[in-house]
Amino acid sequence: MKIKTVEKLQDRLNEDFAWRKKELIDFQMMIHSTKNRTICRMGLALLCAHFEGFLKRAANYYIVFVSSHDNYVHHSFVAMPLYFIRKEKLIPDLKECMQLLKKVKSERKMEVTIQNERIKLANVLYIESNKNNVYYVFLNRKKLKMRTTLRKIEKELINYNFIRCHASFVVNMSQIRKVTSDFIFLDKDEKIPIGEKYYMNFLDKYADYKFRKK
């Protein structure tokens, strides 16, 4: 099974939802015609089964879709879709899921102004300090210079998935692909050193980002 476009994903979801909806409507008509309590109880069980079944099928389609796009795979782990399929806490879990998705969406839209140019933080790979200047390095290797300090940048971006890992570097955690004891490997094959002073704090914050521990 391949689902490579959003349209295909929506078609799969619509198809699965349609037959379930038809079956429930048919059963509803049967209940109205008989008014049998046993059939009513069967209808409740059927409704719950379809609800759970649709959530599981939708999660499966979502995973197949995301797995077909390398640029989506790492972002998908932020919301952890399978975590939310827990019947006993379904409503609060779904609310938490929606809050996380809204947060991710807002983070991707967050912009700052550098040299009179509006740029999206999601496109920033890392930020490097050099004396009294900092350089924003983007996914396309473009660089923008700003006269400020890395400490100030660190404070401004602390709520947008940026973390300081070295005296000279702040990295975008959404672009991290691998972490060793000495280096952070980012997307686009960039390698950033980890300062000993920042190592433990970086590991804590990165784990919190990945698993959304609160």
N, C-alpha and C. Protein backbone atom coordinates (compact mmCIF):
# COMPACT_ATOMS: atom_id res chain seq x y z
N MET A 1 0.84 -1.19 0.00
CA MET A 1 0.00 0.00 0.00
C MET A 1 0.88 1.25 0.00
N LYS A 2 0.60 2.17 -0.94
CA LYS A 2 1.35 3.42 -1.03
C LYS A 2 0.40 4.60 -0.97
N ILE A 3 0.74 5.57 -0.14
CA ILE A 3 -0.05 6.80 -0.03
C ILE A 3 0.94 7.95 -0.08
N LYS A 4 1.12 8.54 -1.26
CA LYS A 4 2.17 9.53 -1.44
C LYS A 4 1.69 10.98 -1.43
N THR A 5 0.38 11.19 -1.55
CA THR A 5 -0.13 12.57 -1.56
C THR A 5 -1.21 12.74 -0.50
N VAL A 6 -1.43 13.99 -0.11
CA VAL A 6 -2.47 14.30 0.87
C VAL A 6 -3.84 13.92 0.31
N GLU A 7 -4.00 14.10 -1.00
CA GLU A 7 -5.28 13.75 -1.63
C GLU A 7 -5.56 12.25 -1.51
N LYS A 8 -4.53 11.42 -1.73
CA LYS A 8 -4.68 9.98 -1.60
C LYS A 8 -5.00 9.59 -0.15
N LEU A 9 -4.33 10.27 0.78
CA LEU A 9 -4.59 10.01 2.19
C LEU A 9 -6.04 10.34 2.53
N GLN A 10 -6.52 11.48 2.04
CA GLN A 10 -7.91 11.87 2.30
C GLN A 10 -8.89 10.89 1.66
N ASP A 11 -8.56 10.40 0.46
CA ASP A 11 -9.43 9.43 -0.21
C ASP A 11 -9.54 8.14 0.60
N ARG A 12 -8.41 7.69 1.13
CA ARG A 12 -8.41 6.47 1.95
C ARG A 12 -9.27 6.65 3.19
N LEU A 13 -9.12 7.79 3.84
CA LEU A 13 -9.91 8.07 5.05
C LEU A 13 -11.39 8.16 4.73
N ASN A 14 -11.70 8.83 3.62
CA ASN A 14 -13.12 8.97 3.22
C ASN A 14 -13.75 7.62 2.90
N GLU A 15 -12.99 6.75 2.21
CA GLU A 15 -13.51 5.43 1.87
C GLU A 15 -13.79 4.61 3.13
N ASP A 16 -12.85 4.64 4.08
CA ASP A 16 -13.03 3.87 5.30
C ASP A 16 -14.20 4.41 6.13
N PHE A 17 -14.31 5.74 6.16
CA PHE A 17 -15.38 6.35 6.93
C PHE A 17 -16.75 6.08 6.30
N ALA A 18 -16.80 6.08 4.95
CA ALA A 18 -18.08 5.96 4.24
C ALA A 18 -18.77 4.63 4.53
N TRP A 19 -18.04 3.51 4.46
CA TRP A 19 -18.70 2.21 4.67
C TRP A 19 -19.11 2.03 6.13
N ARG A 20 -18.33 2.60 7.03
CA ARG A 20 -18.69 2.52 8.45
C ARG A 20 -19.97 3.34 8.71
N LYS A 21 -20.02 4.53 8.11
CA LYS A 21 -21.19 5.38 8.28
C LYS A 21 -22.44 4.70 7.74
N LYS A 22 -22.33 4.06 6.57
CA LYS A 22 -23.48 3.38 5.97
C LYS A 22 -23.98 2.24 6.86
N GLU A 23 -23.03 1.47 7.40
CA GLU A 23 -23.42 0.35 8.25
C GLU A 23 -24.13 0.83 9.52
N LEU A 24 -23.64 1.93 10.08
CA LEU A 24 -24.26 2.47 11.30
C LEU A 24 -25.65 3.05 11.00
N ILE A 25 -25.78 3.69 9.85
CA ILE A 25 -27.10 4.23 9.48
C ILE A 25 -28.10 3.10 9.27
N ASP A 26 -27.66 2.04 8.60
CA ASP A 26 -28.55 0.88 8.40
C ASP A 26 -28.97 0.28 9.73
N PHE A 27 -28.03 0.20 10.66
CA PHE A 27 -28.34 -0.37 11.97
C PHE A 27 -29.28 0.55 12.75
N GLN A 28 -29.08 1.86 12.58
CA GLN A 28 -29.96 2.83 13.23
C GLN A 28 -31.41 2.67 12.75
N MET A 29 -31.58 2.45 11.46
CA MET A 29 -32.92 2.25 10.90
C MET A 29 -33.55 0.98 11.46
N MET A 30 -32.71 -0.05 11.65
CA MET A 30 -33.20 -1.30 12.21
C MET A 30 -33.68 -1.09 13.65
N ILE A 31 -32.93 -0.31 14.41
CA ILE A 31 -33.32 -0.04 15.80
C ILE A 31 -34.66 0.69 15.85
N HIS A 32 -34.81 1.70 15.00
CA HIS A 32 -36.06 2.47 14.97
C HIS A 32 -37.26 1.60 14.59
N SER A 33 -37.01 0.62 13.74
CA SER A 33 -38.12 -0.22 13.27
C SER A 33 -38.51 -1.29 14.29
N THR A 34 -37.56 -1.75 15.13
CA THR A 34 -37.85 -2.84 16.06
C THR A 34 -37.98 -2.37 17.51
N LYS A 35 -37.18 -1.36 17.90
CA LYS A 35 -37.15 -0.84 19.27
C LYS A 35 -36.87 -1.95 20.28
N ASN A 36 -36.04 -2.88 19.88
CA ASN A 36 -35.65 -3.99 20.73
C ASN A 36 -34.43 -3.57 21.55
N ARG A 37 -34.46 -3.75 22.87
CA ARG A 37 -33.36 -3.30 23.73
C ARG A 37 -32.07 -4.06 23.45
N THR A 38 -32.18 -5.33 23.14
CA THR A 38 -30.98 -6.12 22.83
C THR A 38 -30.30 -5.57 21.60
N ILE A 39 -31.08 -5.23 20.58
CA ILE A 39 -30.51 -4.67 19.36
C ILE A 39 -29.89 -3.30 19.65
N CYS A 40 -30.51 -2.54 20.54
CA CYS A 40 -29.95 -1.24 20.94
C CYS A 40 -28.57 -1.41 21.57
N ARG A 41 -28.44 -2.40 22.44
CA ARG A 41 -27.14 -2.66 23.09
C ARG A 41 -26.11 -3.11 22.05
N MET A 42 -26.55 -3.91 21.09
CA MET A 42 -25.66 -4.34 20.01
C MET A 42 -25.19 -3.13 19.20
N GLY A 43 -26.10 -2.16 19.02
CA GLY A 43 -25.74 -0.96 18.27
C GLY A 43 -24.66 -0.16 18.97
N LEU A 44 -24.72 -0.08 20.30
CA LEU A 44 -23.70 0.63 21.06
C LEU A 44 -22.34 -0.03 20.90
N ALA A 45 -22.33 -1.37 20.97
CA ALA A 45 -21.07 -2.11 20.79
C ALA A 45 -20.52 -1.89 19.38
N LEU A 46 -21.43 -1.88 18.39
CA LEU A 46 -21.00 -1.67 17.00
C LEU A 46 -20.42 -0.28 16.81
N LEU A 47 -21.05 0.72 17.43
CA LEU A 47 -20.56 2.09 17.34
C LEU A 47 -19.15 2.22 17.92
N CYS A 48 -18.94 1.63 19.09
CA CYS A 48 -17.61 1.67 19.73
C CYS A 48 -16.57 0.97 18.87
N ALA A 49 -16.97 -0.17 18.29
CA ALA A 49 -16.03 -0.94 17.45
C ALA A 49 -15.62 -0.13 16.22
N HIS A 50 -16.59 0.55 15.60
CA HIS A 50 -16.28 1.36 14.42
C HIS A 50 -15.42 2.56 14.80
N PHE A 51 -15.70 3.16 15.95
CA PHE A 51 -14.92 4.31 16.39
C PHE A 51 -13.45 3.93 16.58
N GLU A 52 -13.24 2.85 17.31
CA GLU A 52 -11.88 2.37 17.54
C GLU A 52 -11.23 1.92 16.24
N GLY A 53 -12.02 1.23 15.40
CA GLY A 53 -11.48 0.73 14.14
C GLY A 53 -11.05 1.85 13.21
N PHE A 54 -11.86 2.91 13.16
CA PHE A 54 -11.50 4.03 12.29
C PHE A 54 -10.24 4.73 12.78
N LEU A 55 -10.10 4.92 14.09
CA LEU A 55 -8.90 5.56 14.63
C LEU A 55 -7.65 4.75 14.30
N LYS A 56 -7.73 3.44 14.46
CA LYS A 56 -6.57 2.60 14.17
C LYS A 56 -6.24 2.62 12.68
N ARG A 57 -7.29 2.54 11.83
CA ARG A 57 -7.05 2.55 10.39
C ARG A 57 -6.49 3.90 9.94
N ALA A 58 -7.01 4.99 10.52
CA ALA A 58 -6.52 6.32 10.17
C ALA A 58 -5.05 6.49 10.58
N ALA A 59 -4.70 5.98 11.77
CA ALA A 59 -3.32 6.06 12.22
C ALA A 59 -2.40 5.26 11.30
N ASN A 60 -2.88 4.11 10.84
CA ASN A 60 -2.09 3.28 9.93
C ASN A 60 -1.87 3.99 8.60
N TYR A 61 -2.93 4.59 8.05
CA TYR A 61 -2.79 5.34 6.80
C TYR A 61 -1.83 6.50 6.96
N TYR A 62 -1.93 7.17 8.11
CA TYR A 62 -1.06 8.31 8.38
C TYR A 62 0.41 7.90 8.40
N ILE A 63 0.69 6.79 9.05
CA ILE A 63 2.07 6.30 9.13
C ILE A 63 2.59 5.93 7.75
N VAL A 64 1.75 5.28 6.94
CA VAL A 64 2.15 4.91 5.57
C VAL A 64 2.44 6.17 4.76
N PHE A 65 1.59 7.19 4.91
CA PHE A 65 1.79 8.45 4.18
C PHE A 65 3.09 9.13 4.60
N VAL A 66 3.29 9.26 5.92
CA VAL A 66 4.49 9.93 6.42
C VAL A 66 5.75 9.18 6.03
N SER A 67 5.70 7.85 6.06
CA SER A 67 6.86 7.03 5.73
C SER A 67 7.28 7.18 4.27
N SER A 68 6.37 7.71 3.45
CA SER A 68 6.68 7.91 2.03
C SER A 68 7.38 9.23 1.78
N HIS A 69 7.54 10.04 2.84
CA HIS A 69 8.15 11.36 2.69
C HIS A 69 9.21 11.54 3.79
N ASP A 70 10.45 11.54 3.40
CA ASP A 70 11.54 11.68 4.36
C ASP A 70 11.43 12.96 5.17
N ASN A 71 10.93 14.04 4.54
CA ASN A 71 10.88 15.32 5.23
C ASN A 71 9.78 15.37 6.28
N TYR A 72 8.84 14.40 6.27
CA TYR A 72 7.78 14.37 7.25
C TYR A 72 8.06 13.41 8.41
N VAL A 73 8.94 12.45 8.18
CA VAL A 73 9.10 11.36 9.15
C VAL A 73 9.44 11.86 10.53
N HIS A 74 10.45 12.74 10.64
CA HIS A 74 10.89 13.18 11.96
C HIS A 74 9.85 14.08 12.63
N HIS A 75 9.13 14.89 11.82
CA HIS A 75 8.10 15.74 12.41
C HIS A 75 6.94 14.93 12.94
N SER A 76 6.70 13.76 12.33
CA SER A 76 5.55 12.95 12.77
C SER A 76 5.70 12.47 14.20
N PHE A 77 6.95 12.29 14.64
CA PHE A 77 7.16 11.77 15.99
C PHE A 77 6.79 12.78 17.07
N VAL A 78 6.67 14.05 16.69
CA VAL A 78 6.33 15.08 17.67
C VAL A 78 4.97 14.81 18.30
N ALA A 79 3.98 14.46 17.46
CA ALA A 79 2.63 14.24 17.96
C ALA A 79 2.41 12.82 18.43
N MET A 80 3.31 11.88 18.09
CA MET A 80 3.21 10.48 18.52
C MET A 80 1.79 9.94 18.36
N PRO A 81 1.31 9.74 17.12
CA PRO A 81 -0.10 9.38 16.91
C PRO A 81 -0.54 8.12 17.62
N LEU A 82 0.30 7.09 17.68
CA LEU A 82 -0.13 5.83 18.30
C LEU A 82 -0.32 5.96 19.81
N TYR A 83 0.34 6.94 20.40
CA TYR A 83 0.21 7.15 21.85
C TYR A 83 -1.22 7.49 22.24
N PHE A 84 -1.96 8.09 21.29
CA PHE A 84 -3.27 8.62 21.63
C PHE A 84 -4.40 7.61 21.44
N ILE A 85 -4.11 6.39 21.00
CA ILE A 85 -5.17 5.40 20.84
C ILE A 85 -5.26 4.58 22.13
N ARG A 86 -5.82 5.19 23.15
CA ARG A 86 -6.02 4.54 24.44
C ARG A 86 -7.48 4.75 24.82
N LYS A 87 -8.25 3.70 24.79
CA LYS A 87 -9.69 3.84 24.97
C LYS A 87 -10.06 4.46 26.30
N GLU A 88 -9.34 4.11 27.36
CA GLU A 88 -9.75 4.57 28.68
C GLU A 88 -9.50 6.07 28.87
N LYS A 89 -8.62 6.66 28.05
CA LYS A 89 -8.33 8.10 28.18
C LYS A 89 -8.36 8.77 26.81
N LEU A 90 -9.29 8.34 25.99
CA LEU A 90 -9.30 8.78 24.60
C LEU A 90 -9.54 10.28 24.47
N ILE A 91 -10.54 10.83 25.17
CA ILE A 91 -10.88 12.24 25.02
C ILE A 91 -9.75 13.16 25.48
N PRO A 92 -9.24 12.98 26.72
CA PRO A 92 -8.13 13.87 27.12
C PRO A 92 -6.89 13.68 26.26
N ASP A 93 -6.64 12.44 25.80
CA ASP A 93 -5.48 12.19 24.95
C ASP A 93 -5.62 12.90 23.60
N LEU A 94 -6.82 12.87 23.04
CA LEU A 94 -7.05 13.54 21.76
C LEU A 94 -6.92 15.06 21.90
N LYS A 95 -7.38 15.59 23.04
CA LYS A 95 -7.22 17.03 23.29
C LYS A 95 -5.74 17.39 23.36
N GLU A 96 -4.96 16.55 24.03
CA GLU A 96 -3.52 16.81 24.13
C GLU A 96 -2.87 16.73 22.77
N CYS A 97 -3.32 15.75 21.96
CA CYS A 97 -2.79 15.60 20.60
C CYS A 97 -3.04 16.86 19.79
N MET A 98 -4.27 17.41 19.86
CA MET A 98 -4.61 18.61 19.11
C MET A 98 -3.78 19.81 19.56
N GLN A 99 -3.53 19.90 20.87
CA GLN A 99 -2.71 20.99 21.38
C GLN A 99 -1.29 20.90 20.84
N LEU A 100 -0.75 19.68 20.80
CA LEU A 100 0.59 19.48 20.28
C LEU A 100 0.67 19.84 18.80
N LEU A 101 -0.34 19.42 18.05
CA LEU A 101 -0.35 19.70 16.61
C LEU A 101 -0.45 21.20 16.35
N LYS A 102 -1.27 21.91 17.16
CA LYS A 102 -1.37 23.35 17.02
C LYS A 102 -0.05 24.03 17.34
N LYS A 103 0.64 23.50 18.36
CA LYS A 103 1.94 24.07 18.73
C LYS A 103 2.95 23.88 17.62
N VAL A 104 2.97 22.67 17.04
CA VAL A 104 3.89 22.38 15.93
C VAL A 104 3.60 23.30 14.76
N LYS A 105 2.30 23.49 14.45
CA LYS A 105 1.91 24.35 13.34
C LYS A 105 2.37 25.78 13.55
N SER A 106 2.19 26.29 14.78
CA SER A 106 2.60 27.66 15.08
C SER A 106 4.12 27.82 15.01
N GLU A 107 4.84 26.76 15.44
CA GLU A 107 6.30 26.81 15.39
C GLU A 107 6.80 26.87 13.95
N ARG A 108 6.13 26.15 13.06
CA ARG A 108 6.55 26.15 11.66
C ARG A 108 6.28 27.48 10.99
N LYS A 109 5.30 28.25 11.50
CA LYS A 109 4.95 29.53 10.90
C LYS A 109 5.72 30.69 11.52
N MET A 110 6.40 30.45 12.65
CA MET A 110 7.08 31.52 13.37
C MET A 110 8.13 32.18 12.48
N GLU A 111 8.10 33.52 12.46
CA GLU A 111 9.03 34.28 11.63
C GLU A 111 9.76 35.33 12.45
N VAL A 112 10.94 35.70 11.98
CA VAL A 112 11.70 36.80 12.57
C VAL A 112 12.19 37.68 11.43
N THR A 113 12.56 38.90 11.78
CA THR A 113 13.06 39.83 10.76
C THR A 113 14.57 39.99 10.91
N ILE A 114 15.29 39.73 9.82
CA ILE A 114 16.75 39.88 9.80
C ILE A 114 17.11 40.67 8.55
N GLN A 115 17.79 41.76 8.73
CA GLN A 115 18.17 42.62 7.60
C GLN A 115 16.95 42.97 6.75
N ASN A 116 15.86 43.35 7.42
CA ASN A 116 14.61 43.73 6.74
C ASN A 116 14.00 42.60 5.93
N GLU A 117 14.37 41.39 6.23
CA GLU A 117 13.84 40.22 5.52
C GLU A 117 13.13 39.30 6.51
N ARG A 118 11.88 38.93 6.20
CA ARG A 118 11.12 38.01 7.05
C ARG A 118 11.53 36.58 6.72
N ILE A 119 11.95 35.84 7.74
CA ILE A 119 12.39 34.46 7.52
C ILE A 119 11.67 33.53 8.49
N LYS A 120 11.41 32.31 8.03
CA LYS A 120 10.76 31.31 8.87
C LYS A 120 11.81 30.57 9.69
N LEU A 121 11.56 30.47 10.99
CA LEU A 121 12.51 29.77 11.86
C LEU A 121 12.63 28.29 11.49
N ALA A 122 11.56 27.72 10.94
CA ALA A 122 11.60 26.30 10.57
C ALA A 122 12.64 26.04 9.50
N ASN A 123 13.04 27.07 8.75
CA ASN A 123 14.03 26.92 7.69
C ASN A 123 15.46 27.17 8.16
N VAL A 124 15.61 27.48 9.45
CA VAL A 124 16.94 27.73 10.00
C VAL A 124 17.56 26.42 10.46
N LEU A 125 18.77 26.15 10.00
CA LEU A 125 19.48 24.94 10.39
C LEU A 125 20.18 25.13 11.74
N TYR A 126 20.96 26.20 11.84
CA TYR A 126 21.61 26.54 13.10
C TYR A 126 22.01 28.01 13.08
N ILE A 127 22.43 28.50 14.22
CA ILE A 127 22.86 29.89 14.35
C ILE A 127 24.26 29.88 14.96
N GLU A 128 25.17 30.58 14.32
CA GLU A 128 26.57 30.58 14.75
C GLU A 128 27.01 31.97 15.17
N SER A 129 27.79 32.04 16.24
CA SER A 129 28.29 33.32 16.75
C SER A 129 29.73 33.55 16.31
N ASN A 130 30.01 34.79 15.95
CA ASN A 130 31.37 35.18 15.60
C ASN A 130 31.59 36.60 16.08
N LYS A 131 32.27 36.74 17.23
CA LYS A 131 32.49 38.03 17.86
C LYS A 131 31.14 38.67 18.22
N ASN A 132 30.85 39.85 17.68
CA ASN A 132 29.60 40.54 18.02
C ASN A 132 28.50 40.32 16.99
N ASN A 133 28.67 39.34 16.15
CA ASN A 133 27.68 39.03 15.13
C ASN A 133 27.22 37.58 15.26
N VAL A 134 25.99 37.33 14.82
CA VAL A 134 25.53 35.95 14.71
C VAL A 134 25.10 35.72 13.26
N TYR A 135 25.23 34.49 12.83
CA TYR A 135 24.89 34.14 11.45
C TYR A 135 23.81 33.06 11.46
N TYR A 136 22.67 33.37 10.84
CA TYR A 136 21.61 32.38 10.66
C TYR A 136 21.96 31.56 9.42
N VAL A 137 22.08 30.26 9.60
CA VAL A 137 22.40 29.37 8.48
C VAL A 137 21.14 28.57 8.13
N PHE A 138 20.73 28.65 6.87
CA PHE A 138 19.48 28.05 6.45
C PHE A 138 19.68 26.70 5.75
N LEU A 139 18.58 26.00 5.55
CA LEU A 139 18.63 24.70 4.91
C LEU A 139 19.24 24.77 3.52
N ASN A 140 19.03 25.88 2.84
CA ASN A 140 19.58 26.04 1.49
C ASN A 140 21.00 26.60 1.49
N ARG A 141 21.62 26.64 2.69
CA ARG A 141 22.99 27.12 2.90
C ARG A 141 23.12 28.65 2.86
N LYS A 142 22.02 29.34 2.69
CA LYS A 142 22.04 30.79 2.73
C LYS A 142 22.37 31.24 4.15
N LYS A 143 23.09 32.38 4.26
CA LYS A 143 23.44 32.92 5.57
C LYS A 143 23.00 34.37 5.67
N LEU A 144 22.49 34.73 6.86
CA LEU A 144 22.14 36.11 7.14
C LEU A 144 22.83 36.55 8.42
N LYS A 145 23.45 37.73 8.37
CA LYS A 145 24.19 38.23 9.53
C LYS A 145 23.34 39.19 10.34
N MET A 146 23.48 39.11 11.65
CA MET A 146 22.74 40.01 12.55
C MET A 146 23.68 40.43 13.67
N ARG A 147 23.69 41.70 13.98
CA ARG A 147 24.59 42.19 15.04
C ARG A 147 23.88 42.06 16.38
N THR A 148 24.21 41.03 17.09
CA THR A 148 23.64 40.76 18.41
C THR A 148 24.50 39.69 19.07
N THR A 149 24.04 39.17 20.21
CA THR A 149 24.80 38.13 20.89
C THR A 149 24.02 36.81 20.83
N LEU A 150 24.75 35.72 20.93
CA LEU A 150 24.11 34.41 20.90
C LEU A 150 23.27 34.19 22.15
N ARG A 151 23.68 34.78 23.26
CA ARG A 151 22.90 34.65 24.49
C ARG A 151 21.51 35.26 24.33
N LYS A 152 21.45 36.39 23.67
CA LYS A 152 20.16 37.04 23.44
C LYS A 152 19.29 36.19 22.50
N ILE A 153 19.90 35.66 21.46
CA ILE A 153 19.18 34.80 20.51
C ILE A 153 18.66 33.55 21.22
N GLU A 154 19.49 33.00 22.08
CA GLU A 154 19.11 31.80 22.84
C GLU A 154 17.85 32.05 23.66
N LYS A 155 17.77 33.18 24.32
CA LYS A 155 16.61 33.51 25.15
C LYS A 155 15.37 33.76 24.29
N GLU A 156 15.55 34.40 23.15
CA GLU A 156 14.42 34.71 22.28
C GLU A 156 13.80 33.46 21.64
N LEU A 157 14.64 32.45 21.38
CA LEU A 157 14.18 31.27 20.65
C LEU A 157 13.97 30.05 21.54
N ILE A 158 14.03 30.22 22.84
CA ILE A 158 13.96 29.07 23.75
C ILE A 158 12.65 28.31 23.62
N ASN A 159 11.57 28.98 23.24
CA ASN A 159 10.27 28.32 23.10
C ASN A 159 9.99 27.83 21.68
N TYR A 160 11.00 27.88 20.82
CA TYR A 160 10.79 27.50 19.42
C TYR A 160 11.76 26.40 18.98
N ASN A 161 12.03 25.49 19.89
CA ASN A 161 12.82 24.29 19.57
C ASN A 161 14.25 24.57 19.16
N PHE A 162 14.81 25.66 19.65
CA PHE A 162 16.23 25.94 19.44
C PHE A 162 16.95 25.75 20.78
N ILE A 163 18.14 25.18 20.72
CA ILE A 163 18.88 24.87 21.94
C ILE A 163 20.35 25.20 21.75
N ARG A 164 20.95 25.77 22.77
CA ARG A 164 22.39 26.06 22.71
C ARG A 164 23.16 24.80 23.06
N CYS A 165 24.13 24.46 22.24
CA CYS A 165 24.92 23.26 22.46
C CYS A 165 26.40 23.55 22.57
N HIS A 166 26.77 24.81 22.37
CA HIS A 166 28.18 25.18 22.33
C HIS A 166 28.27 26.69 22.54
N ALA A 167 29.43 27.17 22.93
CA ALA A 167 29.61 28.60 23.13
C ALA A 167 29.33 29.39 21.86
N SER A 168 29.47 28.74 20.71
CA SER A 168 29.31 29.43 19.44
C SER A 168 28.11 28.98 18.61
N PHE A 169 27.29 28.04 19.15
CA PHE A 169 26.22 27.49 18.31
C PHE A 169 24.90 27.33 19.05
N VAL A 170 23.83 27.66 18.36
CA VAL A 170 22.45 27.31 18.75
C VAL A 170 21.88 26.53 17.57
N VAL A 171 21.28 25.37 17.85
CA VAL A 171 20.80 24.52 16.75
C VAL A 171 19.28 24.38 16.79
N ASN A 172 18.72 24.13 15.63
CA ASN A 172 17.29 23.85 15.48
C ASN A 172 17.09 22.36 15.74
N MET A 173 16.42 22.01 16.85
CA MET A 173 16.30 20.60 17.23
C MET A 173 15.50 19.78 16.21
N SER A 174 14.63 20.43 15.46
CA SER A 174 13.86 19.69 14.46
C SER A 174 14.73 19.21 13.30
N GLN A 175 15.95 19.75 13.21
CA GLN A 175 16.85 19.36 12.12
C GLN A 175 17.92 18.36 12.57
N ILE A 176 17.89 17.96 13.84
CA ILE A 176 18.88 17.02 14.35
C ILE A 176 18.60 15.62 13.85
N ARG A 177 19.62 14.96 13.33
CA ARG A 177 19.47 13.59 12.84
C ARG A 177 20.22 12.56 13.68
N LYS A 178 21.25 13.02 14.39
CA LYS A 178 22.05 12.08 15.18
C LYS A 178 22.84 12.87 16.21
N VAL A 179 23.01 12.28 17.40
CA VAL A 179 23.77 12.92 18.46
C VAL A 179 24.80 11.93 19.00
N THR A 180 26.06 12.37 19.10
CA THR A 180 27.10 11.57 19.71
C THR A 180 27.62 12.33 20.93
N SER A 181 28.65 11.82 21.55
CA SER A 181 29.19 12.48 22.75
C SER A 181 29.91 13.79 22.40
N ASP A 182 30.27 13.97 21.14
CA ASP A 182 31.03 15.15 20.74
C ASP A 182 30.34 16.04 19.71
N PHE A 183 29.42 15.46 18.93
CA PHE A 183 28.86 16.22 17.82
C PHE A 183 27.35 16.02 17.67
N ILE A 184 26.74 17.01 17.06
CA ILE A 184 25.34 16.92 16.62
C ILE A 184 25.36 16.90 15.10
N PHE A 185 24.73 15.90 14.53
CA PHE A 185 24.64 15.80 13.07
C PHE A 185 23.27 16.30 12.64
N LEU A 186 23.28 17.36 11.83
CA LEU A 186 22.05 17.98 11.39
C LEU A 186 21.70 17.53 9.97
N ASP A 187 20.52 17.97 9.55
CA ASP A 187 20.15 17.74 8.16
C ASP A 187 21.16 18.47 7.27
N LYS A 188 21.22 18.07 6.01
CA LYS A 188 22.16 18.65 5.05
C LYS A 188 23.61 18.32 5.41
N ASP A 189 23.82 17.24 6.19
CA ASP A 189 25.16 16.75 6.51
C ASP A 189 26.02 17.75 7.28
N GLU A 190 25.38 18.63 8.02
CA GLU A 190 26.13 19.57 8.86
C GLU A 190 26.49 18.91 10.19
N LYS A 191 27.69 19.18 10.69
CA LYS A 191 28.15 18.62 11.96
C LYS A 191 28.51 19.77 12.90
N ILE A 192 27.86 19.79 14.07
CA ILE A 192 28.05 20.88 15.03
C ILE A 192 28.65 20.30 16.32
N PRO A 193 29.70 20.93 16.86
CA PRO A 193 30.30 20.41 18.11
C PRO A 193 29.40 20.67 19.32
N ILE A 194 29.53 19.79 20.32
CA ILE A 194 28.81 19.98 21.58
C ILE A 194 29.84 20.36 22.65
N GLY A 195 29.64 21.50 23.27
CA GLY A 195 30.54 21.94 24.32
C GLY A 195 30.29 21.16 25.61
N GLU A 196 31.34 20.84 26.31
CA GLU A 196 31.22 20.06 27.55
C GLU A 196 30.31 20.77 28.56
N LYS A 197 30.39 22.08 28.60
CA LYS A 197 29.58 22.87 29.53
C LYS A 197 28.08 22.75 29.24
N TYR A 198 27.74 22.53 27.98
CA TYR A 198 26.34 22.52 27.56
C TYR A 198 25.77 21.11 27.37
N TYR A 199 26.61 20.10 27.51
CA TYR A 199 26.22 18.74 27.10
C TYR A 199 24.99 18.21 27.84
N MET A 200 25.02 18.23 29.17
CA MET A 200 23.92 17.64 29.94
C MET A 200 22.61 18.41 29.74
N ASN A 201 22.69 19.73 29.72
CA ASN A 201 21.49 20.53 29.50
C ASN A 201 20.92 20.26 28.11
N PHE A 202 21.82 20.13 27.13
CA PHE A 202 21.37 19.83 25.77
C PHE A 202 20.64 18.48 25.72
N LEU A 203 21.20 17.45 26.34
CA LEU A 203 20.57 16.14 26.34
C LEU A 203 19.19 16.17 26.98
N ASP A 204 19.07 16.90 28.09
CA ASP A 204 17.77 17.00 28.78
C ASP A 204 16.73 17.69 27.90
N LYS A 205 17.12 18.81 27.30
CA LYS A 205 16.19 19.57 26.48
C LYS A 205 15.84 18.82 25.19
N TYR A 206 16.79 18.12 24.64
CA TYR A 206 16.54 17.38 23.40
C TYR A 206 15.61 16.19 23.67
N ALA A 207 15.81 15.52 24.80
CA ALA A 207 14.91 14.42 25.17
C ALA A 207 13.50 14.95 25.41
N ASP A 208 13.41 16.11 26.04
CA ASP A 208 12.10 16.72 26.27
C ASP A 208 11.42 17.08 24.96
N TYR A 209 12.20 17.58 24.01
CA TYR A 209 11.65 17.91 22.70
C TYR A 209 11.14 16.66 21.98
N LYS A 210 11.92 15.60 22.02
CA LYS A 210 11.55 14.39 21.29
C LYS A 210 10.34 13.70 21.86
N PHE A 211 10.26 13.63 23.14
CA PHE A 211 9.19 12.85 23.75
C PHE A 211 8.12 13.69 24.45
N ARG A 212 8.27 15.01 24.38
CA ARG A 212 7.30 15.93 24.93
C ARG A 212 6.97 15.60 26.40
N LYS A 213 8.03 15.43 27.23
CA LYS A 213 7.85 15.20 28.66
C LYS A 213 7.55 16.52 29.34
N LYS A 214 6.63 16.50 30.23
CA LYS A 214 6.26 17.75 30.89
C LYS A 214 6.34 17.62 32.38
